[in-house]
Amino acid sequence: MLEARELRKEFGELRATDDVSVRFGKTEGERVFIVGPNGAGKTTLVNLLTGLLEPDRGEVVVHREQNGSTVERDITEMAPEKRVKAGLVRSFQIVHVFEEMTVRENVRTAALSRHEKTLSMRSRDDGHGDVERDVDDLLADFRLEGIEGEIAETLPHGDRKLLDVAMSFALDPEYLLLDEPTSGVATQEKEYVIETIVEASEAESVTTVTIEHDMDLVKEYADRLVVLHDGQVFREGDPDLLETDPDLRRVLLGVDE
């Protein structure tokens, strides 16, 4: 389980996260969606969890089962790249892929990084069968096998998003943090993108923490909802709260009932 404990981050007079405490991965492969109005602190929280920002106070902790008991590890001061090796991987709102490379080459590059291998004329003799098997599985999981030879910059935005997330998956995450994976995706493609990510996550029992603004997607795919408002946890619970909680609807939708 991944836990934020009283995380606070200030930018001048703005308190972006105000002593946020929340847990992710309460069950294996849990799908948690973080929602809230603009400026609520959603991306700041993800940046604190993944080490791109240092908190002004508070802790980031990982809990793991070991020899029949729960072991707690404080990773607050761990560098982002070391958190990746510890199982915390993120995908950004803006797609990060190698534009001039093919779909397969992009996924292979990420897989090679996970296996701590390089691909060169000298290393080819050693063989990379394990890497190529991982690449085949990832292309299938993210429905990219039919376009594996396409150059990344030529892909529709939805496929570029899936490629970006597939590359994150190649790093073997235990927790995958996604910052608006449907941002910029055409309306008719949004469900396809989220559904593909959800199915891949379920297959590998990966806990996903997703920032999302489309409430229809949140209601359909979330196991649990975390609502941030003014840098604090405003609500946490079942996605049905989006329908039943008038205060939550006011904060998210501007609806007075």
C-alpha atoms as a PDB file:
ATOM      1  CA  MET A   1       0.000   0.000   0.000  1.00  0.00           C
ATOM      2  CA  LEU A   2       1.144   3.540  -0.845  1.00  0.00           C
ATOM      3  CA  GLU A   3       0.420   6.188   1.758  1.00  0.00           C
ATOM      4  CA  ALA A   4       0.600   9.975   1.920  1.00  0.00           C
ATOM      5  CA  ARG A   5       0.885  11.255   5.478  1.00  0.00           C
ATOM      6  CA  GLU A   6       0.042  14.894   6.146  1.00  0.00           C
ATOM      7  CA  LEU A   7       1.726  16.032   2.938  1.00  0.00           C
ATOM      8  CA  ARG A   8       2.062  19.782   2.704  1.00  0.00           C
ATOM      9  CA  LYS A   9       3.482  21.795  -0.165  1.00  0.00           C
ATOM     10  CA  GLU A  10       3.515  25.559  -0.389  1.00  0.00           C
ATOM     11  CA  PHE A  11       4.386  27.824  -3.297  1.00  0.00           C
ATOM     12  CA  GLY A  12       4.798  31.232  -1.737  1.00  0.00           C
ATOM     13  CA  GLU A  13       1.472  32.021  -0.079  1.00  0.00           C
ATOM     14  CA  LEU A  14      -0.326  29.225  -1.906  1.00  0.00           C
ATOM     15  CA  ARG A  15      -0.702  25.973   0.022  1.00  0.00           C
ATOM     16  CA  ALA A  16      -1.158  23.498  -2.840  1.00  0.00           C
ATOM     17  CA  THR A  17      -1.549  20.479  -0.557  1.00  0.00           C
ATOM     18  CA  ASP A  18      -2.684  21.111   2.987  1.00  0.00           C
ATOM     19  CA  ASP A  19      -1.682  18.150   5.179  1.00  0.00           C
ATOM     20  CA  VAL A  20      -3.115  15.530   2.810  1.00  0.00           C
ATOM     21  CA  SER A  21      -3.348  12.011   4.201  1.00  0.00           C
ATOM     22  CA  VAL A  22      -4.622   9.238   1.930  1.00  0.00           C
ATOM     23  CA  ARG A  23      -3.853   5.593   1.106  1.00  0.00           C
ATOM     24  CA  PHE A  24      -3.742   3.861  -2.273  1.00  0.00           C
ATOM     25  CA  GLY A  25      -3.816   0.141  -2.945  1.00  0.00           C
ATOM     26  CA  LYS A  26      -6.004  -0.866  -0.018  1.00  0.00           C
ATOM     27  CA  THR A  27      -6.839  -3.874  -2.151  1.00  0.00           C
ATOM     28  CA  GLU A  28      -4.624  -5.457  -4.800  1.00  0.00           C
ATOM     29  CA  GLY A  29      -5.001  -3.716  -8.147  1.00  0.00           C
ATOM     30  CA  GLU A  30      -7.270  -1.011  -6.744  1.00  0.00           C
ATOM     31  CA  ARG A  31      -8.404   1.712  -9.163  1.00  0.00           C
ATOM     32  CA  VAL A  32      -8.396   5.079  -7.382  1.00  0.00           C
ATOM     33  CA  PHE A  33      -9.463   8.219  -9.218  1.00  0.00           C
ATOM     34  CA  ILE A  34      -8.437  11.651  -7.917  1.00  0.00           C
ATOM     35  CA  VAL A  35     -10.870  14.387  -8.849  1.00  0.00           C
ATOM     36  CA  GLY A  36     -11.385  18.013  -7.942  1.00  0.00           C
ATOM     37  CA  PRO A  37     -11.652  21.480  -9.451  1.00  0.00           C
ATOM     38  CA  ASN A  38      -8.674  23.170 -11.082  1.00  0.00           C
ATOM     39  CA  GLY A  39      -6.131  24.213  -8.479  1.00  0.00           C
ATOM     40  CA  ALA A  40      -7.291  21.595  -5.973  1.00  0.00           C
ATOM     41  CA  GLY A  41      -3.776  20.122  -5.620  1.00  0.00           C
ATOM     42  CA  LYS A  42      -4.200  16.928  -7.655  1.00  0.00           C
ATOM     43  CA  THR A  43      -1.024  17.105  -9.754  1.00  0.00           C
ATOM     44  CA  THR A  44       0.954  18.459  -6.818  1.00  0.00           C
ATOM     45  CA  LEU A  45      -0.038  15.401  -4.774  1.00  0.00           C
ATOM     46  CA  VAL A  46       1.072  13.048  -7.553  1.00  0.00           C
ATOM     47  CA  ASN A  47       4.353  14.955  -7.891  1.00  0.00           C
ATOM     48  CA  LEU A  48       4.944  14.571  -4.158  1.00  0.00           C
ATOM     49  CA  LEU A  49       4.201  10.855  -4.263  1.00  0.00           C
ATOM     50  CA  THR A  50       6.603  10.280  -7.161  1.00  0.00           C
ATOM     51  CA  GLY A  51       9.392  12.503  -5.888  1.00  0.00           C
ATOM     52  CA  LEU A  52       9.239  15.289  -8.472  1.00  0.00           C
ATOM     53  CA  LEU A  53       8.506  17.651  -5.599  1.00  0.00           C
ATOM     54  CA  GLU A  54       9.784  17.603  -2.035  1.00  0.00           C
ATOM     55  CA  PRO A  55       7.141  18.138   0.657  1.00  0.00           C
ATOM     56  CA  ASP A  56       7.465  20.989   3.142  1.00  0.00           C
ATOM     57  CA  ARG A  57       6.195  18.539   5.711  1.00  0.00           C
ATOM     58  CA  GLY A  58       4.771  15.037   5.833  1.00  0.00           C
ATOM     59  CA  GLU A  59       5.840  11.618   4.563  1.00  0.00           C
ATOM     60  CA  VAL A  60       5.406   9.204   1.673  1.00  0.00           C
ATOM     61  CA  VAL A  61       5.360   5.606   2.887  1.00  0.00           C
ATOM     62  CA  VAL A  62       5.112   2.212   1.202  1.00  0.00           C
ATOM     63  CA  HIS A  63       3.723  -0.775   3.122  1.00  0.00           C
ATOM     64  CA  ARG A  64       4.666  -4.290   2.039  1.00  0.00           C
ATOM     65  CA  GLU A  65       3.923  -7.763   3.333  1.00  0.00           C
ATOM     66  CA  GLN A  66       7.089  -9.566   4.402  1.00  0.00           C
ATOM     67  CA  ASN A  67       7.297 -12.872   6.255  1.00  0.00           C
ATOM     68  CA  GLY A  68       3.688 -12.622   7.336  1.00  0.00           C
ATOM     69  CA  SER A  69       3.883  -9.088   8.684  1.00  0.00           C
ATOM     70  CA  THR A  70       3.567  -5.587   7.242  1.00  0.00           C
ATOM     71  CA  VAL A  71       6.822  -3.683   6.772  1.00  0.00           C
ATOM     72  CA  GLU A  72       6.751   0.087   6.417  1.00  0.00           C
ATOM     73  CA  ARG A  73       9.290   1.971   4.298  1.00  0.00           C
ATOM     74  CA  ASP A  74       9.623   5.762   4.311  1.00  0.00           C
ATOM     75  CA  ILE A  75      10.510   6.909   0.768  1.00  0.00           C
ATOM     76  CA  THR A  76      10.000  10.655   1.309  1.00  0.00           C
ATOM     77  CA  GLU A  77      13.608  11.498   0.484  1.00  0.00           C
ATOM     78  CA  MET A  78      14.073   8.854  -2.216  1.00  0.00           C
ATOM     79  CA  ALA A  79      14.972  10.147  -5.690  1.00  0.00           C
ATOM     80  CA  PRO A  80      12.318   9.741  -8.428  1.00  0.00           C
ATOM     81  CA  GLU A  81      14.331   7.170 -10.380  1.00  0.00           C
ATOM     82  CA  LYS A  82      14.767   5.053  -7.259  1.00  0.00           C
ATOM     83  CA  ARG A  83      11.027   5.215  -6.617  1.00  0.00           C
ATOM     84  CA  VAL A  84      10.535   3.762 -10.092  1.00  0.00           C
ATOM     85  CA  LYS A  85      12.688   0.802  -9.095  1.00  0.00           C
ATOM     86  CA  ALA A  86      10.633   0.574  -5.889  1.00  0.00           C
ATOM     87  CA  GLY A  87       7.463   0.209  -7.981  1.00  0.00           C
ATOM     88  CA  LEU A  88       6.159   3.800  -8.293  1.00  0.00           C
ATOM     89  CA  VAL A  89       5.789   4.776 -11.947  1.00  0.00           C
ATOM     90  CA  ARG A  90       3.913   7.704 -13.449  1.00  0.00           C
ATOM     91  CA  SER A  91       2.582   8.839 -16.789  1.00  0.00           C
ATOM     92  CA  PHE A  92       2.328  12.561 -17.472  1.00  0.00           C
ATOM     93  CA  GLN A  93      -0.519  14.601 -18.917  1.00  0.00           C
ATOM     94  CA  ILE A  94       1.679  15.480 -21.906  1.00  0.00           C
ATOM     95  CA  VAL A  95       2.698  12.391 -23.875  1.00  0.00           C
ATOM     96  CA  HIS A  96       6.397  11.481 -23.585  1.00  0.00           C
ATOM     97  CA  VAL A  97       7.401   9.125 -26.396  1.00  0.00           C
ATOM     98  CA  PHE A  98      10.282   8.932 -28.866  1.00  0.00           C
ATOM     99  CA  GLU A  99       8.600  10.565 -31.838  1.00  0.00           C
ATOM    100  CA  GLU A 100      10.906   9.226 -34.584  1.00  0.00           C
ATOM    101  CA  MET A 101      10.844   5.634 -33.348  1.00  0.00           C
ATOM    102  CA  THR A 102       8.257   2.967 -34.080  1.00  0.00           C
ATOM    103  CA  VAL A 103       5.700   1.818 -31.532  1.00  0.00           C
ATOM    104  CA  ARG A 104       7.655  -1.377 -30.927  1.00  0.00           C
ATOM    105  CA  GLU A 105      10.967   0.468 -30.586  1.00  0.00           C
ATOM    106  CA  ASN A 106       9.440   2.792 -27.987  1.00  0.00           C
ATOM    107  CA  VAL A 107       8.141  -0.080 -25.870  1.00  0.00           C
ATOM    108  CA  ARG A 108      11.391  -2.005 -26.326  1.00  0.00           C
ATOM    109  CA  THR A 109      13.418   0.985 -25.073  1.00  0.00           C
ATOM    110  CA  ALA A 110      11.402   1.082 -21.859  1.00  0.00           C
ATOM    111  CA  ALA A 111      11.623  -2.696 -21.429  1.00  0.00           C
ATOM    112  CA  LEU A 112      15.399  -2.625 -21.920  1.00  0.00           C
ATOM    113  CA  SER A 113      15.625  -0.024 -19.155  1.00  0.00           C
ATOM    114  CA  ARG A 114      13.711  -2.283 -16.792  1.00  0.00           C
ATOM    115  CA  HIS A 115      15.998  -5.228 -17.592  1.00  0.00           C
ATOM    116  CA  GLU A 116      19.042  -2.928 -17.311  1.00  0.00           C
ATOM    117  CA  LYS A 117      20.126  -3.867 -20.819  1.00  0.00           C
ATOM    118  CA  THR A 118      21.121  -1.920 -23.899  1.00  0.00           C
ATOM    119  CA  LEU A 119      20.615  -2.731 -27.550  1.00  0.00           C
ATOM    120  CA  SER A 120      23.735  -2.395 -29.671  1.00  0.00           C
ATOM    121  CA  MET A 121      25.568  -4.352 -32.326  1.00  0.00           C
ATOM    122  CA  ARG A 122      27.855  -5.759 -29.657  1.00  0.00           C
ATOM    123  CA  SER A 123      25.048  -6.767 -27.307  1.00  0.00           C
ATOM    124  CA  ARG A 124      22.847  -8.424 -29.922  1.00  0.00           C
ATOM    125  CA  ASP A 125      24.826 -11.652 -29.617  1.00  0.00           C
ATOM    126  CA  ASP A 126      23.729 -11.951 -25.987  1.00  0.00           C
ATOM    127  CA  GLY A 127      20.110 -12.181 -27.036  1.00  0.00           C
ATOM    128  CA  HIS A 128      17.137 -10.264 -25.697  1.00  0.00           C
ATOM    129  CA  GLY A 129      14.454 -12.916 -25.836  1.00  0.00           C
ATOM    130  CA  ASP A 130      13.054 -11.964 -22.440  1.00  0.00           C
ATOM    131  CA  VAL A 131      12.785  -8.327 -23.485  1.00  0.00           C
ATOM    132  CA  GLU A 132      11.054  -9.152 -26.764  1.00  0.00           C
ATOM    133  CA  ARG A 133       8.549 -11.387 -24.965  1.00  0.00           C
ATOM    134  CA  ASP A 134       7.748  -8.505 -22.611  1.00  0.00           C
ATOM    135  CA  VAL A 135       7.329  -6.197 -25.601  1.00  0.00           C
ATOM    136  CA  ASP A 136       4.973  -8.660 -27.318  1.00  0.00           C
ATOM    137  CA  ASP A 137       2.847  -8.903 -24.161  1.00  0.00           C
ATOM    138  CA  LEU A 138       2.695  -5.129 -23.690  1.00  0.00           C
ATOM    139  CA  LEU A 139       1.745  -4.494 -27.309  1.00  0.00           C
ATOM    140  CA  ALA A 140      -1.080  -7.018 -26.934  1.00  0.00           C
ATOM    141  CA  ASP A 141      -2.233  -5.677 -23.553  1.00  0.00           C
ATOM    142  CA  PHE A 142      -2.467  -2.128 -24.906  1.00  0.00           C
ATOM    143  CA  ARG A 143      -3.977  -3.127 -28.258  1.00  0.00           C
ATOM    144  CA  LEU A 144      -0.963  -1.805 -30.166  1.00  0.00           C
ATOM    145  CA  GLU A 145       0.246  -4.973 -31.885  1.00  0.00           C
ATOM    146  CA  GLY A 146      -1.473  -4.058 -35.152  1.00  0.00           C
ATOM    147  CA  ILE A 147       0.445  -0.769 -35.396  1.00  0.00           C
ATOM    148  CA  GLU A 148       3.787  -1.795 -33.870  1.00  0.00           C
ATOM    149  CA  GLY A 149       5.670  -0.739 -37.005  1.00  0.00           C
ATOM    150  CA  GLU A 150       4.120   2.746 -37.163  1.00  0.00           C
ATOM    151  CA  ILE A 151       6.221   5.828 -36.312  1.00  0.00           C
ATOM    152  CA  ALA A 152       5.041   7.345 -33.018  1.00  0.00           C
ATOM    153  CA  GLU A 153       4.580  10.886 -34.317  1.00  0.00           C
ATOM    154  CA  THR A 154       2.077   9.645 -36.937  1.00  0.00           C
ATOM    155  CA  LEU A 155      -0.290   8.024 -34.425  1.00  0.00           C
ATOM    156  CA  PRO A 156      -3.709   9.381 -33.417  1.00  0.00           C
ATOM    157  CA  HIS A 157      -3.653  10.969 -29.979  1.00  0.00           C
ATOM    158  CA  GLY A 158      -5.462   8.075 -28.301  1.00  0.00           C
ATOM    159  CA  ASP A 159      -2.886   5.560 -29.509  1.00  0.00           C
ATOM    160  CA  ARG A 160      -0.071   7.895 -28.466  1.00  0.00           C
ATOM    161  CA  LYS A 161      -1.541   7.967 -24.969  1.00  0.00           C
ATOM    162  CA  LEU A 162      -1.732   4.184 -24.871  1.00  0.00           C
ATOM    163  CA  LEU A 163       1.856   3.931 -26.092  1.00  0.00           C
ATOM    164  CA  ASP A 164       2.970   6.308 -23.355  1.00  0.00           C
ATOM    165  CA  VAL A 165       1.219   4.224 -20.681  1.00  0.00           C
ATOM    166  CA  ALA A 166       2.525   0.972 -22.186  1.00  0.00           C
ATOM    167  CA  MET A 167       6.063   2.348 -21.814  1.00  0.00           C
ATOM    168  CA  SER A 168       5.302   3.100 -18.166  1.00  0.00           C
ATOM    169  CA  PHE A 169       4.009  -0.449 -17.743  1.00  0.00           C
ATOM    170  CA  ALA A 170       7.259  -1.773 -19.209  1.00  0.00           C
ATOM    171  CA  LEU A 171       8.949  -0.545 -16.010  1.00  0.00           C
ATOM    172  CA  ASP A 172       6.960  -3.140 -14.011  1.00  0.00           C
ATOM    173  CA  PRO A 173       5.018  -0.837 -11.677  1.00  0.00           C
ATOM    174  CA  GLU A 174       3.257  -1.842  -8.515  1.00  0.00           C
ATOM    175  CA  TYR A 175       1.612   1.590  -8.452  1.00  0.00           C
ATOM    176  CA  LEU A 176       0.948   3.500 -11.667  1.00  0.00           C
ATOM    177  CA  LEU A 177       0.059   7.173 -11.287  1.00  0.00           C
ATOM    178  CA  LEU A 178      -1.686   8.680 -14.297  1.00  0.00           C
ATOM    179  CA  ASP A 179      -2.158  12.415 -14.793  1.00  0.00           C
ATOM    180  CA  GLU A 180      -5.229  12.891 -17.012  1.00  0.00           C
ATOM    181  CA  PRO A 181      -4.656  10.005 -19.445  1.00  0.00           C
ATOM    182  CA  THR A 182      -7.636  11.126 -21.559  1.00  0.00           C
ATOM    183  CA  SER A 183      -6.529  14.759 -21.835  1.00  0.00           C
ATOM    184  CA  GLY A 184      -6.657  15.840 -25.476  1.00  0.00           C
ATOM    185  CA  VAL A 185      -8.258  12.558 -26.554  1.00  0.00           C
ATOM    186  CA  ALA A 186     -11.367  12.773 -28.730  1.00  0.00           C
ATOM    187  CA  THR A 187     -14.577  12.076 -26.833  1.00  0.00           C
ATOM    188  CA  GLN A 188     -15.275   8.886 -28.757  1.00  0.00           C
ATOM    189  CA  GLU A 189     -11.801   7.532 -27.888  1.00  0.00           C
ATOM    190  CA  LYS A 190     -11.770   8.309 -24.165  1.00  0.00           C
ATOM    191  CA  GLU A 191     -13.560   5.179 -22.993  1.00  0.00           C
ATOM    192  CA  TYR A 192     -11.391   3.006 -25.254  1.00  0.00           C
ATOM    193  CA  VAL A 193      -8.234   4.495 -23.706  1.00  0.00           C
ATOM    194  CA  ILE A 194      -9.394   4.115 -20.093  1.00  0.00           C
ATOM    195  CA  GLU A 195     -10.845   0.651 -20.664  1.00  0.00           C
ATOM    196  CA  THR A 196      -7.558  -0.535 -22.198  1.00  0.00           C
ATOM    197  CA  ILE A 197      -5.544   0.805 -19.267  1.00  0.00           C
ATOM    198  CA  VAL A 198      -7.966  -0.735 -16.761  1.00  0.00           C
ATOM    199  CA  GLU A 199      -7.827  -4.164 -18.420  1.00  0.00           C
ATOM    200  CA  ALA A 200      -4.017  -4.108 -18.566  1.00  0.00           C
ATOM    201  CA  SER A 201      -3.843  -3.042 -14.912  1.00  0.00           C
ATOM    202  CA  GLU A 202      -6.221  -5.780 -13.823  1.00  0.00           C
ATOM    203  CA  ALA A 203      -4.216  -8.389 -15.715  1.00  0.00           C
ATOM    204  CA  GLU A 204      -1.057  -7.428 -13.819  1.00  0.00           C
ATOM    205  CA  SER A 205      -2.719  -6.483 -10.486  1.00  0.00           C
ATOM    206  CA  VAL A 206      -1.296  -2.962 -10.719  1.00  0.00           C
ATOM    207  CA  THR A 207      -2.823  -0.297  -8.463  1.00  0.00           C
ATOM    208  CA  THR A 208      -3.677   2.761 -10.540  1.00  0.00           C
ATOM    209  CA  VAL A 209      -4.057   6.301  -9.225  1.00  0.00           C
ATOM    210  CA  THR A 210      -5.646   8.418 -11.943  1.00  0.00           C
ATOM    211  CA  ILE A 211      -6.348  12.141 -12.140  1.00  0.00           C
ATOM    212  CA  GLU A 212      -9.445  12.526 -14.311  1.00  0.00           C
ATOM    213  CA  HIS A 213     -11.949  15.274 -15.135  1.00  0.00           C
ATOM    214  CA  ASP A 214     -14.508  13.202 -17.040  1.00  0.00           C
ATOM    215  CA  MET A 215     -16.968  12.202 -14.324  1.00  0.00           C
ATOM    216  CA  ASP A 216     -18.697   9.649 -16.535  1.00  0.00           C
ATOM    217  CA  LEU A 217     -15.424   7.723 -16.824  1.00  0.00           C
ATOM    218  CA  VAL A 218     -14.805   8.063 -13.086  1.00  0.00           C
ATOM    219  CA  LYS A 219     -18.250   6.673 -12.223  1.00  0.00           C
ATOM    220  CA  GLU A 220     -17.783   3.723 -14.572  1.00  0.00           C
ATOM    221  CA  TYR A 221     -14.212   2.673 -13.769  1.00  0.00           C
ATOM    222  CA  ALA A 222     -13.293   3.838 -10.248  1.00  0.00           C
ATOM    223  CA  ASP A 223     -13.162   1.494  -7.282  1.00  0.00           C
ATOM    224  CA  ARG A 224     -12.673   4.456  -4.989  1.00  0.00           C
ATOM    225  CA  LEU A 225     -12.855   8.205  -5.276  1.00  0.00           C
ATOM    226  CA  VAL A 226     -10.559  10.771  -3.648  1.00  0.00           C
ATOM    227  CA  VAL A 227     -11.821  14.339  -3.973  1.00  0.00           C
ATOM    228  CA  LEU A 228      -9.403  17.222  -3.391  1.00  0.00           C
ATOM    229  CA  HIS A 229     -10.568  20.782  -2.793  1.00  0.00           C
ATOM    230  CA  ASP A 230      -8.409  23.732  -1.715  1.00  0.00           C
ATOM    231  CA  GLY A 231      -5.479  21.368  -1.179  1.00  0.00           C
ATOM    232  CA  GLN A 232      -7.340  19.083   1.217  1.00  0.00           C
ATOM    233  CA  VAL A 233      -9.183  15.764   1.015  1.00  0.00           C
ATOM    234  CA  PHE A 234     -12.808  16.892   0.698  1.00  0.00           C
ATOM    235  CA  ARG A 235     -14.371  13.448   0.248  1.00  0.00           C
ATOM    236  CA  GLU A 236     -13.205   9.857  -0.073  1.00  0.00           C
ATOM    237  CA  GLY A 237     -15.275   6.800  -0.859  1.00  0.00           C
ATOM    238  CA  ASP A 238     -17.505   5.075  -3.376  1.00  0.00           C
ATOM    239  CA  PRO A 239     -17.940   6.791  -6.780  1.00  0.00           C
ATOM    240  CA  ASP A 240     -21.701   6.796  -6.106  1.00  0.00           C
ATOM    241  CA  LEU A 241     -20.953   9.904  -4.048  1.00  0.00           C
ATOM    242  CA  LEU A 242     -20.915  11.763  -7.354  1.00  0.00           C
ATOM    243  CA  GLU A 243     -24.660  11.168  -7.536  1.00  0.00           C
ATOM    244  CA  THR A 244     -25.694  11.246  -3.886  1.00  0.00           C
ATOM    245  CA  ASP A 245     -23.592  13.934  -2.183  1.00  0.00           C
ATOM    246  CA  PRO A 246     -24.956  17.438  -2.903  1.00  0.00           C
ATOM    247  CA  ASP A 247     -21.918  19.196  -1.396  1.00  0.00           C
ATOM    248  CA  LEU A 248     -19.608  17.166  -3.606  1.00  0.00           C
ATOM    249  CA  ARG A 249     -21.692  17.939  -6.684  1.00  0.00           C
ATOM    250  CA  ARG A 250     -21.529  21.628  -5.820  1.00  0.00           C
ATOM    251  CA  VAL A 251     -17.736  21.561  -5.528  1.00  0.00           C
ATOM    252  CA  LEU A 252     -17.155  19.501  -8.689  1.00  0.00           C
ATOM    253  CA  LEU A 253     -19.999  20.556 -10.935  1.00  0.00           C
ATOM    254  CA  GLY A 254     -21.167  23.879  -9.548  1.00  0.00           C
ATOM    255  CA  VAL A 255     -24.595  22.333  -8.994  1.00  0.00           C
ATOM    256  CA  ASP A 256     -26.681  23.670  -6.106  1.00  0.00           C
ATOM    257  CA  GLU A 257     -29.405  21.276  -4.985  1.00  0.00           C
END
